Amino acid sequence: MKYYISDLHLDHKNIIKLCNRPFSDIEKMNDIIIENCKSVIKNSHDELYLGGDIFMSPTDESIEKLRS
């Protein structure tokens, strides 16, 4: 199965307020968004295409979380 998603805005502190996202902090937001993706993509043959605006300022740690 192929999945497409964009505008995750991981590590973007102000996106919570700007878009009225229901999270108390960016760590919680990042964890929930990534876990939601993982709950849908379960098959090793599944493909996830990320369309853009993935990270505000990517770090090695945040990229690795998304990879795992």
C-alpha atoms as a PDB file:
ATOM      1  CA  MET A   1       0.000   0.000   0.000  1.00  0.00           C
ATOM      2  CA  LYS A   2       1.189   3.529  -0.702  1.00  0.00           C
ATOM      3  CA  TYR A   3       0.501   6.346   1.748  1.00  0.00           C
ATOM      4  CA  TYR A   4       0.991  10.073   1.232  1.00  0.00           C
ATOM      5  CA  ILE A   5       1.269  12.756   3.901  1.00  0.00           C
ATOM      6  CA  SER A   6       2.609  16.282   4.197  1.00  0.00           C
ATOM      7  CA  ASP A   7       2.863  19.213   6.575  1.00  0.00           C
ATOM      8  CA  LEU A   8       3.813  17.249   9.660  1.00  0.00           C
ATOM      9  CA  HIS A   9       5.757  20.256  10.998  1.00  0.00           C
ATOM     10  CA  LEU A  10       7.641  18.107  13.510  1.00  0.00           C
ATOM     11  CA  ASP A  11       9.759  20.133  15.958  1.00  0.00           C
ATOM     12  CA  HIS A  12       7.780  23.278  15.080  1.00  0.00           C
ATOM     13  CA  LYS A  13       6.804  24.761  18.424  1.00  0.00           C
ATOM     14  CA  ASN A  14       4.584  27.537  17.073  1.00  0.00           C
ATOM     15  CA  ILE A  15       2.544  25.244  14.806  1.00  0.00           C
ATOM     16  CA  ILE A  16       0.659  24.038  17.888  1.00  0.00           C
ATOM     17  CA  LYS A  17      -0.754  27.514  18.452  1.00  0.00           C
ATOM     18  CA  LEU A  18      -0.925  28.611  14.808  1.00  0.00           C
ATOM     19  CA  CYS A  19      -2.977  25.595  13.741  1.00  0.00           C
ATOM     20  CA  ASN A  20      -4.718  24.925  17.030  1.00  0.00           C
ATOM     21  CA  ARG A  21      -3.172  21.464  17.321  1.00  0.00           C
ATOM     22  CA  PRO A  22      -4.280  19.586  20.450  1.00  0.00           C
ATOM     23  CA  PHE A  23      -0.840  19.095  21.992  1.00  0.00           C
ATOM     24  CA  SER A  24       0.792  20.547  25.093  1.00  0.00           C
ATOM     25  CA  ASP A  25       4.343  20.499  23.676  1.00  0.00           C
ATOM     26  CA  ILE A  26       6.319  19.549  20.573  1.00  0.00           C
ATOM     27  CA  GLU A  27       7.691  16.331  22.057  1.00  0.00           C
ATOM     28  CA  LYS A  28       4.169  15.023  22.641  1.00  0.00           C
ATOM     29  CA  MET A  29       3.075  16.216  19.185  1.00  0.00           C
ATOM     30  CA  ASN A  30       6.056  14.550  17.483  1.00  0.00           C
ATOM     31  CA  ASP A  31       5.546  11.273  19.341  1.00  0.00           C
ATOM     32  CA  ILE A  32       1.827  11.092  18.600  1.00  0.00           C
ATOM     33  CA  ILE A  33       2.185  11.973  14.913  1.00  0.00           C
ATOM     34  CA  ILE A  34       4.932   9.378  14.446  1.00  0.00           C
ATOM     35  CA  GLU A  35       3.013   6.720  16.403  1.00  0.00           C
ATOM     36  CA  ASN A  36      -0.115   7.414  14.336  1.00  0.00           C
ATOM     37  CA  CYS A  37       1.880   6.865  11.153  1.00  0.00           C
ATOM     38  CA  LYS A  38       3.332   3.633  12.520  1.00  0.00           C
ATOM     39  CA  SER A  39      -0.112   2.375  13.512  1.00  0.00           C
ATOM     40  CA  VAL A  40      -1.247   2.599   9.875  1.00  0.00           C
ATOM     41  CA  ILE A  41       1.931   1.488   8.111  1.00  0.00           C
ATOM     42  CA  LYS A  42       2.497  -2.033   9.331  1.00  0.00           C
ATOM     43  CA  ASN A  43       3.493  -4.056   6.294  1.00  0.00           C
ATOM     44  CA  SER A  44       7.160  -4.031   5.271  1.00  0.00           C
ATOM     45  CA  HIS A  45       6.001  -3.503   1.697  1.00  0.00           C
ATOM     46  CA  ASP A  46       4.054  -0.339   2.566  1.00  0.00           C
ATOM     47  CA  GLU A  47       5.484   2.929   1.307  1.00  0.00           C
ATOM     48  CA  LEU A  48       5.143   6.345   2.931  1.00  0.00           C
ATOM     49  CA  TYR A  49       5.690   9.422   0.786  1.00  0.00           C
ATOM     50  CA  LEU A  50       6.366  12.646   2.683  1.00  0.00           C
ATOM     51  CA  GLY A  51       5.293  15.656   0.613  1.00  0.00           C
ATOM     52  CA  GLY A  52       7.055  18.437   2.445  1.00  0.00           C
ATOM     53  CA  ASP A  53       7.142  20.585   5.566  1.00  0.00           C
ATOM     54  CA  ILE A  54       8.223  17.583   7.574  1.00  0.00           C
ATOM     55  CA  PHE A  55      10.486  19.263  10.151  1.00  0.00           C
ATOM     56  CA  MET A  56      10.946  22.813  11.358  1.00  0.00           C
ATOM     57  CA  SER A  57      14.631  22.241  12.042  1.00  0.00           C
ATOM     58  CA  PRO A  58      15.536  18.575  11.725  1.00  0.00           C
ATOM     59  CA  THR A  59      17.982  17.001  14.120  1.00  0.00           C
ATOM     60  CA  ASP A  60      19.613  13.593  13.887  1.00  0.00           C
ATOM     61  CA  GLU A  61      17.373  12.445  16.740  1.00  0.00           C
ATOM     62  CA  SER A  62      14.117  13.594  15.121  1.00  0.00           C
ATOM     63  CA  ILE A  63      15.051  12.082  11.752  1.00  0.00           C
ATOM     64  CA  GLU A  64      15.911   8.781  13.415  1.00  0.00           C
ATOM     65  CA  LYS A  65      12.533   8.727  15.223  1.00  0.00           C
ATOM     66  CA  LEU A  66      10.788   9.040  11.886  1.00  0.00           C
ATOM     67  CA  ARG A  67      12.916   6.299  10.340  1.00  0.00           C
ATOM     68  CA  SER A  68      12.326   3.742  13.080  1.00  0.00           C
END
